[in-house]
């Protein structure tokens, strides 16, 4: 298993262990992959805000999405 696969597995396990849905894991994994490929600009406040909103929307709150 390569490093990216280990990170994806860890993300999915952590999300599941925290009671969150697979949608959140998928969003986090996709973002990680874009960062790893150099396709995400972590210094861009607008891009970071957009990703934060997507992550927030994918987070389950009190058992509801």
C-alpha atoms as a PDB file:
ATOM      1  CA  UNK A   1       0.000   0.000   0.000  1.00  0.00           C
ATOM      2  CA  UNK A   2       1.494   3.344  -0.980  1.00  0.00           C
ATOM      3  CA  UNK A   3       1.519   6.501   1.101  1.00  0.00           C
ATOM      4  CA  UNK A   4      -1.561   8.038  -0.585  1.00  0.00           C
ATOM      5  CA  UNK A   5      -3.552   4.844  -0.007  1.00  0.00           C
ATOM      6  CA  UNK A   6      -2.520   4.822   3.665  1.00  0.00           C
ATOM      7  CA  UNK A   7      -3.672   8.419   4.068  1.00  0.00           C
ATOM      8  CA  UNK A   8      -6.973   7.701   2.304  1.00  0.00           C
ATOM      9  CA  UNK A   9      -7.543   4.678   4.529  1.00  0.00           C
ATOM     10  CA  UNK A  10      -6.760   6.744   7.634  1.00  0.00           C
ATOM     11  CA  UNK A  11      -9.131   9.525   6.537  1.00  0.00           C
ATOM     12  CA  UNK A  12     -11.967   7.069   5.871  1.00  0.00           C
ATOM     13  CA  UNK A  13     -11.403   5.273   9.196  1.00  0.00           C
ATOM     14  CA  UNK A  14     -11.272   8.523  11.162  1.00  0.00           C
ATOM     15  CA  UNK A  15     -14.424   9.840   9.535  1.00  0.00           C
ATOM     16  CA  UNK A  16     -16.264   6.569  10.197  1.00  0.00           C
ATOM     17  CA  UNK A  17     -14.981   6.386  13.791  1.00  0.00           C
ATOM     18  CA  UNK A  18     -16.268   9.906  14.438  1.00  0.00           C
ATOM     19  CA  UNK A  19     -19.760   8.954  13.277  1.00  0.00           C
ATOM     20  CA  UNK A  20     -19.609  10.950  10.064  1.00  0.00           C
ATOM     21  CA  UNK A  21     -20.846   9.791   6.676  1.00  0.00           C
ATOM     22  CA  UNK A  22     -18.911   8.512   3.699  1.00  0.00           C
ATOM     23  CA  UNK A  23     -19.698  11.737   1.828  1.00  0.00           C
ATOM     24  CA  UNK A  24     -17.399  13.651   4.189  1.00  0.00           C
ATOM     25  CA  UNK A  25     -14.641  11.063   3.750  1.00  0.00           C
ATOM     26  CA  UNK A  26     -14.931  11.326  -0.020  1.00  0.00           C
ATOM     27  CA  UNK A  27     -14.740  15.124   0.070  1.00  0.00           C
ATOM     28  CA  UNK A  28     -11.673  15.003   2.333  1.00  0.00           C
ATOM     29  CA  UNK A  29      -9.958  12.350   0.196  1.00  0.00           C
ATOM     30  CA  UNK A  30     -10.648  14.291  -3.004  1.00  0.00           C
ATOM     31  CA  UNK A  31      -9.240  17.471  -1.463  1.00  0.00           C
ATOM     32  CA  UNK A  32      -6.176  15.614  -0.206  1.00  0.00           C
ATOM     33  CA  UNK A  33      -5.588  14.202  -3.691  1.00  0.00           C
ATOM     34  CA  UNK A  34      -5.837  17.662  -5.256  1.00  0.00           C
ATOM     35  CA  UNK A  35      -3.373  19.068  -2.710  1.00  0.00           C
ATOM     36  CA  UNK A  36      -0.980  16.153  -3.286  1.00  0.00           C
ATOM     37  CA  UNK A  37      -1.105  16.712  -7.055  1.00  0.00           C
ATOM     38  CA  UNK A  38      -0.459  20.437  -6.625  1.00  0.00           C
ATOM     39  CA  UNK A  39      -3.886  21.329  -8.022  1.00  0.00           C
ATOM     40  CA  UNK A  40      -5.138  23.064  -4.869  1.00  0.00           C
ATOM     41  CA  UNK A  41      -3.799  26.424  -3.770  1.00  0.00           C
ATOM     42  CA  UNK A  42      -3.823  26.453   0.033  1.00  0.00           C
ATOM     43  CA  UNK A  43      -2.718  30.101  -0.018  1.00  0.00           C
ATOM     44  CA  UNK A  44      -5.880  31.237  -1.831  1.00  0.00           C
ATOM     45  CA  UNK A  45      -8.427  32.411   0.769  1.00  0.00           C
ATOM     46  CA  UNK A  46     -11.370  32.091  -1.650  1.00  0.00           C
ATOM     47  CA  UNK A  47     -10.468  28.499  -2.556  1.00  0.00           C
ATOM     48  CA  UNK A  48      -9.920  27.604   1.095  1.00  0.00           C
ATOM     49  CA  UNK A  49     -13.280  29.128   2.041  1.00  0.00           C
ATOM     50  CA  UNK A  50     -15.009  27.173  -0.741  1.00  0.00           C
ATOM     51  CA  UNK A  51     -13.462  23.905   0.447  1.00  0.00           C
ATOM     52  CA  UNK A  52     -14.368  24.717   4.043  1.00  0.00           C
ATOM     53  CA  UNK A  53     -17.993  25.269   3.042  1.00  0.00           C
ATOM     54  CA  UNK A  54     -18.047  21.963   1.137  1.00  0.00           C
ATOM     55  CA  UNK A  55     -16.583  20.142   4.148  1.00  0.00           C
ATOM     56  CA  UNK A  56     -19.045  21.804   6.513  1.00  0.00           C
ATOM     57  CA  UNK A  57     -21.971  20.868   4.283  1.00  0.00           C
ATOM     58  CA  UNK A  58     -20.781  17.251   4.173  1.00  0.00           C
ATOM     59  CA  UNK A  59     -20.487  17.054   7.978  1.00  0.00           C
ATOM     60  CA  UNK A  60     -23.263  15.310   9.850  1.00  0.00           C
ATOM     61  CA  UNK A  61     -24.585  17.350  12.749  1.00  0.00           C
ATOM     62  CA  UNK A  62     -26.474  15.500  15.512  1.00  0.00           C
ATOM     63  CA  UNK A  63     -27.198  12.571  13.220  1.00  0.00           C
ATOM     64  CA  UNK A  64     -28.504  14.759  10.419  1.00  0.00           C
ATOM     65  CA  UNK A  65     -26.659  16.053   7.339  1.00  0.00           C
END
